mmCIF file of all heavy atoms, coordinates in Angstrom:
data_MODEL
# 
_entry.id   MODEL 
# 
loop_
_atom_site.group_PDB 
_atom_site.id 
_atom_site.type_symbol 
_atom_site.label_atom_id 
_atom_site.label_alt_id 
_atom_site.label_comp_id 
_atom_site.label_asym_id 
_atom_site.label_entity_id 
_atom_site.label_seq_id 
_atom_site.pdbx_PDB_ins_code 
_atom_site.Cartn_x 
_atom_site.Cartn_y 
_atom_site.Cartn_z 
_atom_site.occupancy 
_atom_site.B_iso_or_equiv 
_atom_site.pdbx_formal_charge 
_atom_site.auth_seq_id 
_atom_site.auth_comp_id 
_atom_site.auth_asym_id 
_atom_site.auth_atom_id 
_atom_site.pdbx_PDB_model_num 
ATOM 1   N N   . VAL A 1 1  ? 67.543 16.240  58.775 1.00 0.00 ? 1  VAL A N   1 
ATOM 2   C CA  . VAL A 1 1  ? 66.674 17.053  59.630 1.00 0.00 ? 1  VAL A CA  1 
ATOM 3   C C   . VAL A 1 1  ? 67.444 18.238  60.212 1.00 0.00 ? 1  VAL A C   1 
ATOM 4   O O   . VAL A 1 1  ? 66.939 19.367  60.264 1.00 0.00 ? 1  VAL A O   1 
ATOM 5   C CB  . VAL A 1 1  ? 66.069 16.195  60.762 1.00 0.00 ? 1  VAL A CB  1 
ATOM 6   C CG1 . VAL A 1 1  ? 65.429 17.074  61.835 1.00 0.00 ? 1  VAL A CG1 1 
ATOM 7   C CG2 . VAL A 1 1  ? 65.034 15.237  60.194 1.00 0.00 ? 1  VAL A CG2 1 
ATOM 8   N N   . ILE A 1 2  ? 68.668 17.996  60.636 1.00 0.00 ? 2  ILE A N   1 
ATOM 9   C CA  . ILE A 1 2  ? 69.475 19.085  61.170 1.00 0.00 ? 2  ILE A CA  1 
ATOM 10  C C   . ILE A 1 2  ? 69.686 20.165  60.115 1.00 0.00 ? 2  ILE A C   1 
ATOM 11  O O   . ILE A 1 2  ? 69.495 21.361  60.383 1.00 0.00 ? 2  ILE A O   1 
ATOM 12  C CB  . ILE A 1 2  ? 70.827 18.549  61.685 1.00 0.00 ? 2  ILE A CB  1 
ATOM 13  C CG1 . ILE A 1 2  ? 70.623 17.734  62.967 1.00 0.00 ? 2  ILE A CG1 1 
ATOM 14  C CG2 . ILE A 1 2  ? 71.808 19.702  61.930 1.00 0.00 ? 2  ILE A CG2 1 
ATOM 15  C CD1 . ILE A 1 2  ? 71.886 17.062  63.465 1.00 0.00 ? 2  ILE A CD1 1 
ATOM 16  N N   . LYS A 1 3  ? 70.033 19.755  58.919 1.00 0.00 ? 3  LYS A N   1 
ATOM 17  C CA  . LYS A 1 3  ? 70.326 20.713  57.853 1.00 0.00 ? 3  LYS A CA  1 
ATOM 18  C C   . LYS A 1 3  ? 69.083 21.470  57.388 1.00 0.00 ? 3  LYS A C   1 
ATOM 19  O O   . LYS A 1 3  ? 69.114 22.694  57.214 1.00 0.00 ? 3  LYS A O   1 
ATOM 20  C CB  . LYS A 1 3  ? 70.965 19.989  56.663 1.00 0.00 ? 3  LYS A CB  1 
ATOM 21  C CG  . LYS A 1 3  ? 71.344 20.908  55.495 1.00 0.00 ? 3  LYS A CG  1 
ATOM 22  C CD  . LYS A 1 3  ? 72.033 20.138  54.389 1.00 0.00 ? 3  LYS A CD  1 
ATOM 23  C CE  . LYS A 1 3  ? 72.419 21.051  53.233 1.00 0.00 ? 3  LYS A CE  1 
ATOM 24  N NZ  . LYS A 1 3  ? 73.423 22.056  53.639 1.00 0.00 ? 3  LYS A NZ  1 
ATOM 25  N N   . GLU A 1 4  ? 67.975 20.735  57.199 1.00 0.00 ? 4  GLU A N   1 
ATOM 26  C CA  . GLU A 1 4  ? 66.795 21.332  56.578 1.00 0.00 ? 4  GLU A CA  1 
ATOM 27  C C   . GLU A 1 4  ? 65.799 21.927  57.566 1.00 0.00 ? 4  GLU A C   1 
ATOM 28  O O   . GLU A 1 4  ? 65.061 22.850  57.219 1.00 0.00 ? 4  GLU A O   1 
ATOM 29  C CB  . GLU A 1 4  ? 66.079 20.275  55.715 1.00 0.00 ? 4  GLU A CB  1 
ATOM 30  C CG  . GLU A 1 4  ? 66.927 19.706  54.595 1.00 0.00 ? 4  GLU A CG  1 
ATOM 31  C CD  . GLU A 1 4  ? 67.359 20.767  53.591 1.00 0.00 ? 4  GLU A CD  1 
ATOM 32  O OE1 . GLU A 1 4  ? 66.616 21.756  53.402 1.00 0.00 ? 4  GLU A OE1 1 
ATOM 33  O OE2 . GLU A 1 4  ? 68.446 20.598  52.995 1.00 0.00 ? 4  GLU A OE2 1 
ATOM 34  N N   . LYS A 1 5  ? 65.748 21.428  58.791 1.00 0.00 ? 5  LYS A N   1 
ATOM 35  C CA  . LYS A 1 5  ? 64.732 21.875  59.748 1.00 0.00 ? 5  LYS A CA  1 
ATOM 36  C C   . LYS A 1 5  ? 65.303 22.651  60.933 1.00 0.00 ? 5  LYS A C   1 
ATOM 37  O O   . LYS A 1 5  ? 64.713 23.637  61.377 1.00 0.00 ? 5  LYS A O   1 
ATOM 38  C CB  . LYS A 1 5  ? 63.958 20.662  60.288 1.00 0.00 ? 5  LYS A CB  1 
ATOM 39  C CG  . LYS A 1 5  ? 63.275 19.835  59.213 1.00 0.00 ? 5  LYS A CG  1 
ATOM 40  C CD  . LYS A 1 5  ? 62.156 20.596  58.534 1.00 0.00 ? 5  LYS A CD  1 
ATOM 41  C CE  . LYS A 1 5  ? 61.410 19.699  57.549 1.00 0.00 ? 5  LYS A CE  1 
ATOM 42  N NZ  . LYS A 1 5  ? 60.317 20.445  56.841 1.00 0.00 ? 5  LYS A NZ  1 
ATOM 43  N N   . MET A 1 6  ? 66.446 22.191  61.448 1.00 0.00 ? 6  MET A N   1 
ATOM 44  C CA  . MET A 1 6  ? 66.954 22.783  62.683 1.00 0.00 ? 6  MET A CA  1 
ATOM 45  C C   . MET A 1 6  ? 67.874 23.969  62.443 1.00 0.00 ? 6  MET A C   1 
ATOM 46  O O   . MET A 1 6  ? 67.785 24.978  63.149 1.00 0.00 ? 6  MET A O   1 
ATOM 47  C CB  . MET A 1 6  ? 67.655 21.703  63.519 1.00 0.00 ? 6  MET A CB  1 
ATOM 48  C CG  . MET A 1 6  ? 66.734 20.550  63.890 1.00 0.00 ? 6  MET A CG  1 
ATOM 49  S SD  . MET A 1 6  ? 67.547 19.215  64.822 1.00 0.00 ? 6  MET A SD  1 
ATOM 50  C CE  . MET A 1 6  ? 67.764 20.037  66.404 1.00 0.00 ? 6  MET A CE  1 
ATOM 51  N N   . ILE A 1 7  ? 68.753 23.877  61.452 1.00 0.00 ? 7  ILE A N   1 
ATOM 52  C CA  . ILE A 1 7  ? 69.656 24.994  61.147 1.00 0.00 ? 7  ILE A CA  1 
ATOM 53  C C   . ILE A 1 7  ? 68.885 26.274  60.805 1.00 0.00 ? 7  ILE A C   1 
ATOM 54  O O   . ILE A 1 7  ? 69.258 27.362  61.277 1.00 0.00 ? 7  ILE A O   1 
ATOM 55  C CB  . ILE A 1 7  ? 70.627 24.623  60.006 1.00 0.00 ? 7  ILE A CB  1 
ATOM 56  C CG1 . ILE A 1 7  ? 71.627 23.555  60.475 1.00 0.00 ? 7  ILE A CG1 1 
ATOM 57  C CG2 . ILE A 1 7  ? 71.362 25.850  59.484 1.00 0.00 ? 7  ILE A CG2 1 
ATOM 58  C CD1 . ILE A 1 7  ? 72.569 24.002  61.574 1.00 0.00 ? 7  ILE A CD1 1 
ATOM 59  N N   . PRO A 1 8  ? 67.796 26.220  60.016 1.00 0.00 ? 8  PRO A N   1 
ATOM 60  C CA  . PRO A 1 8  ? 67.061 27.454  59.731 1.00 0.00 ? 8  PRO A CA  1 
ATOM 61  C C   . PRO A 1 8  ? 66.420 28.096  60.953 1.00 0.00 ? 8  PRO A C   1 
ATOM 62  O O   . PRO A 1 8  ? 66.056 29.277  60.915 1.00 0.00 ? 8  PRO A O   1 
ATOM 63  C CB  . PRO A 1 8  ? 65.978 26.989  58.732 1.00 0.00 ? 8  PRO A CB  1 
ATOM 64  C CG  . PRO A 1 8  ? 66.558 25.776  58.088 1.00 0.00 ? 8  PRO A CG  1 
ATOM 65  C CD  . PRO A 1 8  ? 67.316 25.088  59.188 1.00 0.00 ? 8  PRO A CD  1 
ATOM 66  N N   . ALA A 1 9  ? 66.270 27.342  62.056 1.00 0.00 ? 9  ALA A N   1 
ATOM 67  C CA  . ALA A 1 9  ? 65.597 27.865  63.245 1.00 0.00 ? 9  ALA A CA  1 
ATOM 68  C C   . ALA A 1 9  ? 66.552 28.525  64.234 1.00 0.00 ? 9  ALA A C   1 
ATOM 69  O O   . ALA A 1 9  ? 66.129 29.034  65.269 1.00 0.00 ? 9  ALA A O   1 
ATOM 70  C CB  . ALA A 1 9  ? 64.843 26.736  63.941 1.00 0.00 ? 9  ALA A CB  1 
ATOM 71  N N   . THR A 1 10 ? 67.848 28.541  63.928 1.00 0.00 ? 10 THR A N   1 
ATOM 72  C CA  . THR A 1 10 ? 68.834 29.117  64.841 1.00 0.00 ? 10 THR A CA  1 
ATOM 73  C C   . THR A 1 10 ? 70.014 29.651  64.047 1.00 0.00 ? 10 THR A C   1 
ATOM 74  O O   . THR A 1 10 ? 70.214 29.277  62.888 1.00 0.00 ? 10 THR A O   1 
ATOM 75  C CB  . THR A 1 10 ? 69.325 28.051  65.849 1.00 0.00 ? 10 THR A CB  1 
ATOM 76  O OG1 . THR A 1 10 ? 70.278 28.640  66.735 1.00 0.00 ? 10 THR A OG1 1 
ATOM 77  C CG2 . THR A 1 10 ? 69.981 26.871  65.121 1.00 0.00 ? 10 THR A CG2 1 
ATOM 78  N N   . GLU A 1 11 ? 70.799 30.518  64.646 1.00 0.00 ? 11 GLU A N   1 
ATOM 79  C CA  . GLU A 1 11 ? 72.032 30.970  64.007 1.00 0.00 ? 11 GLU A CA  1 
ATOM 80  C C   . GLU A 1 11 ? 73.219 30.122  64.442 1.00 0.00 ? 11 GLU A C   1 
ATOM 81  O O   . GLU A 1 11 ? 74.304 30.221  63.876 1.00 0.00 ? 11 GLU A O   1 
ATOM 82  C CB  . GLU A 1 11 ? 72.295 32.446  64.336 1.00 0.00 ? 11 GLU A CB  1 
ATOM 83  C CG  . GLU A 1 11 ? 71.293 33.409  63.708 1.00 0.00 ? 11 GLU A CG  1 
ATOM 84  C CD  . GLU A 1 11 ? 71.716 34.855  63.853 1.00 0.00 ? 11 GLU A CD  1 
ATOM 85  O OE1 . GLU A 1 11 ? 72.712 35.097  64.577 1.00 0.00 ? 11 GLU A OE1 1 
ATOM 86  O OE2 . GLU A 1 11 ? 71.080 35.725  63.243 1.00 0.00 ? 11 GLU A OE2 1 
ATOM 87  N N   . ASP A 1 12 ? 73.011 29.282  65.431 1.00 0.00 ? 12 ASP A N   1 
ATOM 88  C CA  . ASP A 1 12 ? 74.088 28.509  66.036 1.00 0.00 ? 12 ASP A CA  1 
ATOM 89  C C   . ASP A 1 12 ? 74.321 27.190  65.298 1.00 0.00 ? 12 ASP A C   1 
ATOM 90  O O   . ASP A 1 12 ? 73.463 26.718  64.541 1.00 0.00 ? 12 ASP A O   1 
ATOM 91  C CB  . ASP A 1 12 ? 73.740 28.214  67.492 1.00 0.00 ? 12 ASP A CB  1 
ATOM 92  C CG  . ASP A 1 12 ? 74.967 27.990  68.355 1.00 0.00 ? 12 ASP A CG  1 
ATOM 93  O OD1 . ASP A 1 12 ? 76.074 27.902  67.805 1.00 0.00 ? 12 ASP A OD1 1 
ATOM 94  O OD2 . ASP A 1 12 ? 74.811 27.893  69.593 1.00 0.00 ? 12 ASP A OD2 1 
ATOM 95  N N   . ASP A 1 13 ? 75.494 26.587  65.543 1.00 0.00 ? 13 ASP A N   1 
ATOM 96  C CA  . ASP A 1 13 ? 75.725 25.219  65.091 1.00 0.00 ? 13 ASP A CA  1 
ATOM 97  C C   . ASP A 1 13 ? 74.736 24.294  65.799 1.00 0.00 ? 13 ASP A C   1 
ATOM 98  O O   . ASP A 1 13 ? 74.241 24.599  66.887 1.00 0.00 ? 13 ASP A O   1 
ATOM 99  C CB  . ASP A 1 13 ? 77.146 24.766  65.423 1.00 0.00 ? 13 ASP A CB  1 
ATOM 100 C CG  . ASP A 1 13 ? 78.215 25.620  64.763 1.00 0.00 ? 13 ASP A CG  1 
ATOM 101 O OD1 . ASP A 1 13 ? 77.920 26.261  63.740 1.00 0.00 ? 13 ASP A OD1 1 
ATOM 102 O OD2 . ASP A 1 13 ? 79.348 25.638  65.282 1.00 0.00 ? 13 ASP A OD2 1 
ATOM 103 N N   . VAL A 1 14 ? 74.470 23.146  65.189 1.00 0.00 ? 14 VAL A N   1 
ATOM 104 C CA  . VAL A 1 14 ? 73.520 22.193  65.769 1.00 0.00 ? 14 VAL A CA  1 
ATOM 105 C C   . VAL A 1 14 ? 74.142 20.801  65.794 1.00 0.00 ? 14 VAL A C   1 
ATOM 106 O O   . VAL A 1 14 ? 74.725 20.350  64.801 1.00 0.00 ? 14 VAL A O   1 
ATOM 107 C CB  . VAL A 1 14 ? 72.199 22.151  64.973 1.00 0.00 ? 14 VAL A CB  1 
ATOM 108 C CG1 . VAL A 1 14 ? 71.291 21.034  65.491 1.00 0.00 ? 14 VAL A CG1 1 
ATOM 109 C CG2 . VAL A 1 14 ? 71.471 23.485  65.067 1.00 0.00 ? 14 VAL A CG2 1 
ATOM 110 N N   . SER A 1 15 ? 74.020 20.131  66.921 1.00 0.00 ? 15 SER A N   1 
ATOM 111 C CA  . SER A 1 15 ? 74.470 18.747  67.046 1.00 0.00 ? 15 SER A CA  1 
ATOM 112 C C   . SER A 1 15 ? 73.451 17.956  67.842 1.00 0.00 ? 15 SER A C   1 
ATOM 113 O O   . SER A 1 15 ? 72.817 18.479  68.762 1.00 0.00 ? 15 SER A O   1 
ATOM 114 C CB  . SER A 1 15 ? 75.846 18.683  67.723 1.00 0.00 ? 15 SER A CB  1 
ATOM 115 O OG  . SER A 1 15 ? 75.849 19.425  68.929 1.00 0.00 ? 15 SER A OG  1 
ATOM 116 N N   . VAL A 1 16 ? 73.288 16.691  67.464 1.00 0.00 ? 16 VAL A N   1 
ATOM 117 C CA  . VAL A 1 16 ? 72.341 15.791  68.138 1.00 0.00 ? 16 VAL A CA  1 
ATOM 118 C C   . VAL A 1 16 ? 72.969 14.408  68.199 1.00 0.00 ? 16 VAL A C   1 
ATOM 119 O O   . VAL A 1 16 ? 73.594 13.953  67.232 1.00 0.00 ? 16 VAL A O   1 
ATOM 120 C CB  . VAL A 1 16 ? 70.997 15.701  67.369 1.00 0.00 ? 16 VAL A CB  1 
ATOM 121 C CG1 . VAL A 1 16 ? 70.056 14.696  68.048 1.00 0.00 ? 16 VAL A CG1 1 
ATOM 122 C CG2 . VAL A 1 16 ? 70.329 17.071  67.290 1.00 0.00 ? 16 VAL A CG2 1 
ATOM 123 N N   . ALA A 1 17 ? 72.821 13.733  69.328 1.00 0.00 ? 17 ALA A N   1 
ATOM 124 C CA  . ALA A 1 17 ? 73.271 12.351  69.483 1.00 0.00 ? 17 ALA A CA  1 
ATOM 125 C C   . ALA A 1 17 ? 72.185 11.574  70.212 1.00 0.00 ? 17 ALA A C   1 
ATOM 126 O O   . ALA A 1 17 ? 71.620 12.063  71.196 1.00 0.00 ? 17 ALA A O   1 
ATOM 127 C CB  . ALA A 1 17 ? 74.583 12.286  70.257 1.00 0.00 ? 17 ALA A CB  1 
ATOM 128 N N   . ILE A 1 18 ? 71.877 10.369  69.725 1.00 0.00 ? 18 ILE A N   1 
ATOM 129 C CA  . ILE A 1 18 ? 70.782 9.570   70.281 1.00 0.00 ? 18 ILE A CA  1 
ATOM 130 C C   . ILE A 1 18 ? 71.286 8.176   70.626 1.00 0.00 ? 18 ILE A C   1 
ATOM 131 O O   . ILE A 1 18 ? 72.011 7.553   69.845 1.00 0.00 ? 18 ILE A O   1 
ATOM 132 C CB  . ILE A 1 18 ? 69.607 9.444   69.286 1.00 0.00 ? 18 ILE A CB  1 
ATOM 133 C CG1 . ILE A 1 18 ? 69.184 10.830  68.775 1.00 0.00 ? 18 ILE A CG1 1 
ATOM 134 C CG2 . ILE A 1 18 ? 68.418 8.754   69.952 1.00 0.00 ? 18 ILE A CG2 1 
ATOM 135 C CD1 . ILE A 1 18 ? 68.171 10.757  67.619 1.00 0.00 ? 18 ILE A CD1 1 
ATOM 136 N N   . LEU A 1 19 ? 70.876 7.686   71.793 1.00 0.00 ? 19 LEU A N   1 
ATOM 137 C CA  . LEU A 1 19 ? 71.166 6.338   72.246 1.00 0.00 ? 19 LEU A CA  1 
ATOM 138 C C   . LEU A 1 19 ? 69.853 5.625   72.516 1.00 0.00 ? 19 LEU A C   1 
ATOM 139 O O   . LEU A 1 19 ? 68.980 6.170   73.191 1.00 0.00 ? 19 LEU A O   1 
ATOM 140 C CB  . LEU A 1 19 ? 72.000 6.369   73.524 1.00 0.00 ? 19 LEU A CB  1 
ATOM 141 C CG  . LEU A 1 19 ? 72.106 5.094   74.354 1.00 0.00 ? 19 LEU A CG  1 
ATOM 142 C CD1 . LEU A 1 19 ? 72.932 4.034   73.617 1.00 0.00 ? 19 LEU A CD1 1 
ATOM 143 C CD2 . LEU A 1 19 ? 72.695 5.372   75.727 1.00 0.00 ? 19 LEU A CD2 1 
ATOM 144 N N   . TYR A 1 20 ? 69.697 4.400   71.988 1.00 0.00 ? 20 TYR A N   1 
ATOM 145 C CA  . TYR A 1 20 ? 68.538 3.575   72.323 1.00 0.00 ? 20 TYR A CA  1 
ATOM 146 C C   . TYR A 1 20 ? 69.028 2.287   72.962 1.00 0.00 ? 20 TYR A C   1 
ATOM 147 O O   . TYR A 1 20 ? 69.877 1.579   72.397 1.00 0.00 ? 20 TYR A O   1 
ATOM 148 C CB  . TYR A 1 20 ? 67.710 3.238   71.080 1.00 0.00 ? 20 TYR A CB  1 
ATOM 149 C CG  . TYR A 1 20 ? 66.667 2.175   71.346 1.00 0.00 ? 20 TYR A CG  1 
ATOM 150 C CD1 . TYR A 1 20 ? 65.582 2.444   72.175 1.00 0.00 ? 20 TYR A CD1 1 
ATOM 151 C CD2 . TYR A 1 20 ? 66.781 0.897   70.798 1.00 0.00 ? 20 TYR A CD2 1 
ATOM 152 C CE1 . TYR A 1 20 ? 64.645 1.454   72.454 1.00 0.00 ? 20 TYR A CE1 1 
ATOM 153 C CE2 . TYR A 1 20 ? 65.849 -0.087  71.067 1.00 0.00 ? 20 TYR A CE2 1 
ATOM 154 C CZ  . TYR A 1 20 ? 64.769 0.196   71.902 1.00 0.00 ? 20 TYR A CZ  1 
ATOM 155 O OH  . TYR A 1 20 ? 63.856 -0.783  72.182 1.00 0.00 ? 20 TYR A OH  1 
ATOM 156 N N   . CYS A 1 21 ? 68.526 1.995   74.146 1.00 0.00 ? 21 CYS A N   1 
ATOM 157 C CA  . CYS A 1 21 ? 68.826 0.745   74.852 1.00 0.00 ? 21 CYS A CA  1 
ATOM 158 C C   . CYS A 1 21 ? 67.585 -0.124  74.824 1.00 0.00 ? 21 CYS A C   1 
ATOM 159 O O   . CYS A 1 21 ? 66.544 0.268   75.348 1.00 0.00 ? 21 CYS A O   1 
ATOM 160 C CB  . CYS A 1 21 ? 69.232 1.027   76.291 1.00 0.00 ? 21 CYS A CB  1 
ATOM 161 S SG  . CYS A 1 21 ? 70.786 1.945   76.450 1.00 0.00 ? 21 CYS A SG  1 
ATOM 162 N N   . GLY A 1 22 ? 67.710 -1.303  74.210 1.00 0.00 ? 22 GLY A N   1 
ATOM 163 C CA  . GLY A 1 22 ? 66.560 -2.198  74.071 1.00 0.00 ? 22 GLY A CA  1 
ATOM 164 C C   . GLY A 1 22 ? 66.500 -3.237  75.155 1.00 0.00 ? 22 GLY A C   1 
ATOM 165 O O   . GLY A 1 22 ? 67.257 -3.226  76.135 1.00 0.00 ? 22 GLY A O   1 
ATOM 166 N N   . GLU A 1 23 ? 65.581 -4.196  74.972 1.00 0.00 ? 23 GLU A N   1 
ATOM 167 C CA  . GLU A 1 23 ? 65.437 -5.306  75.911 1.00 0.00 ? 23 GLU A CA  1 
ATOM 168 C C   . GLU A 1 23 ? 66.701 -6.152  75.902 1.00 0.00 ? 23 GLU A C   1 
ATOM 169 O O   . GLU A 1 23 ? 67.391 -6.275  74.889 1.00 0.00 ? 23 GLU A O   1 
ATOM 170 C CB  . GLU A 1 23 ? 64.235 -6.180  75.502 1.00 0.00 ? 23 GLU A CB  1 
ATOM 171 C CG  . GLU A 1 23 ? 62.890 -5.466  75.553 1.00 0.00 ? 23 GLU A CG  1 
ATOM 172 C CD  . GLU A 1 23 ? 62.271 -5.496  76.942 1.00 0.00 ? 23 GLU A CD  1 
ATOM 173 O OE1 . GLU A 1 23 ? 62.975 -5.896  77.892 1.00 0.00 ? 23 GLU A OE1 1 
ATOM 174 O OE2 . GLU A 1 23 ? 61.111 -5.112  77.068 1.00 0.00 ? 23 GLU A OE2 1 
ATOM 175 N N   . ASP A 1 24 ? 66.997 -6.766  77.049 1.00 0.00 ? 24 ASP A N   1 
ATOM 176 C CA  . ASP A 1 24 ? 68.133 -7.682  77.103 1.00 0.00 ? 24 ASP A CA  1 
ATOM 177 C C   . ASP A 1 24 ? 67.887 -8.840  76.134 1.00 0.00 ? 24 ASP A C   1 
ATOM 178 O O   . ASP A 1 24 ? 66.794 -9.388  76.065 1.00 0.00 ? 24 ASP A O   1 
ATOM 179 C CB  . ASP A 1 24 ? 68.307 -8.239  78.525 1.00 0.00 ? 24 ASP A CB  1 
ATOM 180 C CG  . ASP A 1 24 ? 68.712 -7.157  79.495 1.00 0.00 ? 24 ASP A CG  1 
ATOM 181 O OD1 . ASP A 1 24 ? 69.198 -6.113  79.039 1.00 0.00 ? 24 ASP A OD1 1 
ATOM 182 O OD2 . ASP A 1 24 ? 68.533 -7.352  80.712 1.00 0.00 ? 24 ASP A OD2 1 
ATOM 183 N N   . GLU A 1 25 ? 68.931 -9.186  75.398 1.00 0.00 ? 25 GLU A N   1 
ATOM 184 C CA  . GLU A 1 25 ? 68.802 -10.258 74.419 1.00 0.00 ? 25 GLU A CA  1 
ATOM 185 C C   . GLU A 1 25 ? 69.156 -11.598 75.050 1.00 0.00 ? 25 GLU A C   1 
ATOM 186 O O   . GLU A 1 25 ? 69.886 -11.678 76.015 1.00 0.00 ? 25 GLU A O   1 
ATOM 187 C CB  . GLU A 1 25 ? 69.719 -9.990  73.217 1.00 0.00 ? 25 GLU A CB  1 
ATOM 188 C CG  . GLU A 1 25 ? 69.282 -8.770  72.414 1.00 0.00 ? 25 GLU A CG  1 
ATOM 189 C CD  . GLU A 1 25 ? 70.144 -8.547  71.183 1.00 0.00 ? 25 GLU A CD  1 
ATOM 190 O OE1 . GLU A 1 25 ? 71.341 -8.933  71.205 1.00 0.00 ? 25 GLU A OE1 1 
ATOM 191 O OE2 . GLU A 1 25 ? 69.630 -8.010  70.188 1.00 0.00 ? 25 GLU A OE2 1 
# 
């Protein structure tokens, strides 16, 4: 997604980081 969708929308480098915290196990 970064390469094909986000990079064409800007001239800048792009970085994304995602964290998901679920229910206590």
